[in-house]
Amino acid sequence: MSGTTSPESYKPAESSEGKTFVLIAWGLLLGGWVLMPFAPIAGLIVSYLQMDKYSYVERSHFKRVIGTFWLSVWGWVLCILLYITIAGIIIAIPLGIAISIFVTYRGIKGLIRASESLPYI
């Protein structure tokens, strides 16, 4: 596995620029609460554009931002489809709350780990 770095042997982030982009990506993802849907989409774009430019630490965060974004999109699509049906409303509301908690948890954890220059594991 040449060219890859395992989580056990990571080096702390050397680039403050990379750390800044990671914090921006997480902040934009969390900004979806206020600026829906533009901030999370901007965070997704930042993550895709910056992912290959930095070390393992930053890449782990960018990959997690991307994964969190797409999981939340598919979860919300499911919520909308369930909400259309009368019986599905009972499932859609708790699912929507769970997705919101999930995104918030991952975002806060990502911000904390990034501010400490640690990978998102």
C-alpha atoms as a PDB file:
ATOM      1  CA  MET A   1       0.000   0.000   0.000  1.00  0.00           C
ATOM      2  CA  SER A   2       2.465   2.589  -1.089  1.00  0.00           C
ATOM      3  CA  GLY A   3       1.341   6.182  -1.080  1.00  0.00           C
ATOM      4  CA  THR A   4      -1.234   5.769   1.673  1.00  0.00           C
ATOM      5  CA  THR A   5      -0.961   6.644   5.324  1.00  0.00           C
ATOM      6  CA  SER A   6      -2.737   4.625   7.956  1.00  0.00           C
ATOM      7  CA  PRO A   7      -4.521   6.342  10.864  1.00  0.00           C
ATOM      8  CA  GLU A   8      -2.000   4.876  13.283  1.00  0.00           C
ATOM      9  CA  SER A   9       0.968   6.578  11.601  1.00  0.00           C
ATOM     10  CA  TYR A  10      -0.471   9.962  10.686  1.00  0.00           C
ATOM     11  CA  LYS A  11       1.554  13.120  10.952  1.00  0.00           C
ATOM     12  CA  PRO A  12      -0.059  16.194  12.475  1.00  0.00           C
ATOM     13  CA  ALA A  13      -1.206  18.723   9.918  1.00  0.00           C
ATOM     14  CA  GLU A  14       1.711  20.823   8.753  1.00  0.00           C
ATOM     15  CA  SER A  15      -0.349  23.236   6.689  1.00  0.00           C
ATOM     16  CA  SER A  16      -2.426  25.835   8.466  1.00  0.00           C
ATOM     17  CA  GLU A  17      -4.050  26.489   5.084  1.00  0.00           C
ATOM     18  CA  GLY A  18      -5.305  22.893   4.968  1.00  0.00           C
ATOM     19  CA  LYS A  19      -6.633  23.157   8.498  1.00  0.00           C
ATOM     20  CA  THR A  20      -8.423  26.379   7.547  1.00  0.00           C
ATOM     21  CA  PHE A  21     -10.154  24.676   4.617  1.00  0.00           C
ATOM     22  CA  VAL A  22     -11.198  21.775   6.850  1.00  0.00           C
ATOM     23  CA  LEU A  23     -12.706  24.175   9.393  1.00  0.00           C
ATOM     24  CA  ILE A  24     -14.478  26.064   6.592  1.00  0.00           C
ATOM     25  CA  ALA A  25     -15.925  22.819   5.184  1.00  0.00           C
ATOM     26  CA  TRP A  26     -17.245  21.692   8.592  1.00  0.00           C
ATOM     27  CA  GLY A  27     -18.571  25.176   9.351  1.00  0.00           C
ATOM     28  CA  LEU A  28     -20.431  25.326   6.048  1.00  0.00           C
ATOM     29  CA  LEU A  29     -21.906  21.874   6.622  1.00  0.00           C
ATOM     30  CA  LEU A  30     -23.164  22.966  10.029  1.00  0.00           C
ATOM     31  CA  GLY A  31     -24.289  26.292   8.534  1.00  0.00           C
ATOM     32  CA  GLY A  32     -27.090  24.383   6.842  1.00  0.00           C
ATOM     33  CA  TRP A  33     -29.211  25.065   9.910  1.00  0.00           C
ATOM     34  CA  VAL A  34     -29.277  28.750   9.006  1.00  0.00           C
ATOM     35  CA  LEU A  35     -28.398  29.008   5.316  1.00  0.00           C
ATOM     36  CA  MET A  36     -30.113  25.864   4.037  1.00  0.00           C
ATOM     37  CA  PRO A  37     -29.249  24.459   1.446  1.00  0.00           C
ATOM     38  CA  PHE A  38     -26.463  26.690   0.157  1.00  0.00           C
ATOM     39  CA  ALA A  39     -23.933  26.366   2.983  1.00  0.00           C
ATOM     40  CA  PRO A  40     -23.747  22.534   2.996  1.00  0.00           C
ATOM     41  CA  ILE A  41     -23.435  22.516  -0.805  1.00  0.00           C
ATOM     42  CA  ALA A  42     -20.590  25.036  -0.531  1.00  0.00           C
ATOM     43  CA  GLY A  43     -18.946  22.805   2.115  1.00  0.00           C
ATOM     44  CA  LEU A  44     -19.279  19.843  -0.237  1.00  0.00           C
ATOM     45  CA  ILE A  45     -17.664  21.787  -3.082  1.00  0.00           C
ATOM     46  CA  VAL A  46     -14.787  22.964  -0.852  1.00  0.00           C
ATOM     47  CA  SER A  47     -14.212  19.367   0.265  1.00  0.00           C
ATOM     48  CA  TYR A  48     -14.148  17.969  -3.267  1.00  0.00           C
ATOM     49  CA  LEU A  49     -11.816  20.714  -4.502  1.00  0.00           C
ATOM     50  CA  GLN A  50      -9.346  20.555  -1.586  1.00  0.00           C
ATOM     51  CA  MET A  51      -9.332  16.827  -0.794  1.00  0.00           C
ATOM     52  CA  ASP A  52      -6.304  15.836  -2.889  1.00  0.00           C
ATOM     53  CA  LYS A  53      -4.122  18.787  -1.938  1.00  0.00           C
ATOM     54  CA  TYR A  54      -3.362  17.983   1.688  1.00  0.00           C
ATOM     55  CA  SER A  55      -2.145  15.282   4.078  1.00  0.00           C
ATOM     56  CA  TYR A  56      -3.993  12.327   5.584  1.00  0.00           C
ATOM     57  CA  VAL A  57      -5.390  14.452   8.410  1.00  0.00           C
ATOM     58  CA  GLU A  58      -7.143  16.935   6.135  1.00  0.00           C
ATOM     59  CA  ARG A  59      -8.255  14.243   3.665  1.00  0.00           C
ATOM     60  CA  SER A  60      -9.914  12.301   6.478  1.00  0.00           C
ATOM     61  CA  HIS A  61     -11.983  15.375   7.312  1.00  0.00           C
ATOM     62  CA  PHE A  62     -12.864  16.194   3.715  1.00  0.00           C
ATOM     63  CA  LYS A  63     -13.980  12.592   3.109  1.00  0.00           C
ATOM     64  CA  ARG A  64     -16.124  12.699   6.247  1.00  0.00           C
ATOM     65  CA  VAL A  65     -17.732  16.012   5.223  1.00  0.00           C
ATOM     66  CA  ILE A  66     -18.571  14.502   1.824  1.00  0.00           C
ATOM     67  CA  GLY A  67     -19.946  11.317   3.379  1.00  0.00           C
ATOM     68  CA  THR A  68     -21.999  13.226   5.930  1.00  0.00           C
ATOM     69  CA  PHE A  69     -23.451  15.458   3.223  1.00  0.00           C
ATOM     70  CA  TRP A  70     -24.548  12.581   0.997  1.00  0.00           C
ATOM     71  CA  LEU A  71     -25.915  10.483   3.878  1.00  0.00           C
ATOM     72  CA  SER A  72     -27.987  13.436   5.032  1.00  0.00           C
ATOM     73  CA  VAL A  73     -29.269  14.143   1.502  1.00  0.00           C
ATOM     74  CA  TRP A  74     -30.445  10.550   1.048  1.00  0.00           C
ATOM     75  CA  GLY A  75     -31.932  10.566   4.550  1.00  0.00           C
ATOM     76  CA  TRP A  76     -33.908  13.731   3.790  1.00  0.00           C
ATOM     77  CA  VAL A  77     -35.096  12.295   0.466  1.00  0.00           C
ATOM     78  CA  LEU A  78     -36.356   9.257   2.379  1.00  0.00           C
ATOM     79  CA  CYS A  79     -38.054  11.546   4.912  1.00  0.00           C
ATOM     80  CA  ILE A  80     -39.837  13.449   2.149  1.00  0.00           C
ATOM     81  CA  LEU A  81     -41.000  10.239   0.486  1.00  0.00           C
ATOM     82  CA  LEU A  82     -42.260   8.888   3.806  1.00  0.00           C
ATOM     83  CA  TYR A  83     -43.922  12.181   4.673  1.00  0.00           C
ATOM     84  CA  ILE A  84     -46.017  11.998   1.498  1.00  0.00           C
ATOM     85  CA  THR A  85     -47.768   8.916   2.827  1.00  0.00           C
ATOM     86  CA  ILE A  86     -50.038   9.270   5.837  1.00  0.00           C
ATOM     87  CA  ALA A  87     -48.543   6.282   7.679  1.00  0.00           C
ATOM     88  CA  GLY A  88     -45.009   7.420   6.831  1.00  0.00           C
ATOM     89  CA  ILE A  89     -45.420  10.676   8.754  1.00  0.00           C
ATOM     90  CA  ILE A  90     -45.009   8.710  11.979  1.00  0.00           C
ATOM     91  CA  ILE A  91     -41.598   7.509  10.769  1.00  0.00           C
ATOM     92  CA  ALA A  92     -40.524  10.629   8.855  1.00  0.00           C
ATOM     93  CA  ILE A  93     -40.564  13.050  11.790  1.00  0.00           C
ATOM     94  CA  PRO A  94     -38.303  10.996  14.125  1.00  0.00           C
ATOM     95  CA  LEU A  95     -36.063  10.138  11.159  1.00  0.00           C
ATOM     96  CA  GLY A  96     -35.687  13.831  10.312  1.00  0.00           C
ATOM     97  CA  ILE A  97     -34.787  14.602  13.926  1.00  0.00           C
ATOM     98  CA  ALA A  98     -32.261  11.733  13.948  1.00  0.00           C
ATOM     99  CA  ILE A  99     -30.638  12.984  10.735  1.00  0.00           C
ATOM    100  CA  SER A 100     -30.335  16.489  12.195  1.00  0.00           C
ATOM    101  CA  ILE A 101     -28.701  15.128  15.361  1.00  0.00           C
ATOM    102  CA  PHE A 102     -26.381  12.931  13.259  1.00  0.00           C
ATOM    103  CA  VAL A 103     -25.164  15.836  11.096  1.00  0.00           C
ATOM    104  CA  THR A 104     -24.731  18.094  14.134  1.00  0.00           C
ATOM    105  CA  TYR A 105     -22.751  15.435  16.018  1.00  0.00           C
ATOM    106  CA  ARG A 106     -20.444  14.733  13.085  1.00  0.00           C
ATOM    107  CA  GLY A 107     -19.961  18.449  12.445  1.00  0.00           C
ATOM    108  CA  ILE A 108     -19.073  19.292  16.026  1.00  0.00           C
ATOM    109  CA  LYS A 109     -16.764  16.272  16.314  1.00  0.00           C
ATOM    110  CA  GLY A 110     -15.101  17.269  13.036  1.00  0.00           C
ATOM    111  CA  LEU A 111     -14.561  20.847  14.190  1.00  0.00           C
ATOM    112  CA  ILE A 112     -13.032  19.676  17.466  1.00  0.00           C
ATOM    113  CA  ARG A 113     -10.748  17.098  15.811  1.00  0.00           C
ATOM    114  CA  ALA A 114      -9.689  19.573  13.096  1.00  0.00           C
ATOM    115  CA  SER A 115      -8.928  22.321  15.601  1.00  0.00           C
ATOM    116  CA  GLU A 116      -6.624  19.852  17.391  1.00  0.00           C
ATOM    117  CA  SER A 117      -5.006  18.849  14.040  1.00  0.00           C
ATOM    118  CA  LEU A 118      -6.205  15.265  14.466  1.00  0.00           C
ATOM    119  CA  PRO A 119      -7.739  13.060  11.767  1.00  0.00           C
ATOM    120  CA  TYR A 120     -11.450  12.322  11.838  1.00  0.00           C
ATOM    121  CA  ILE A 121     -11.501   8.679  12.872  1.00  0.00           C
END
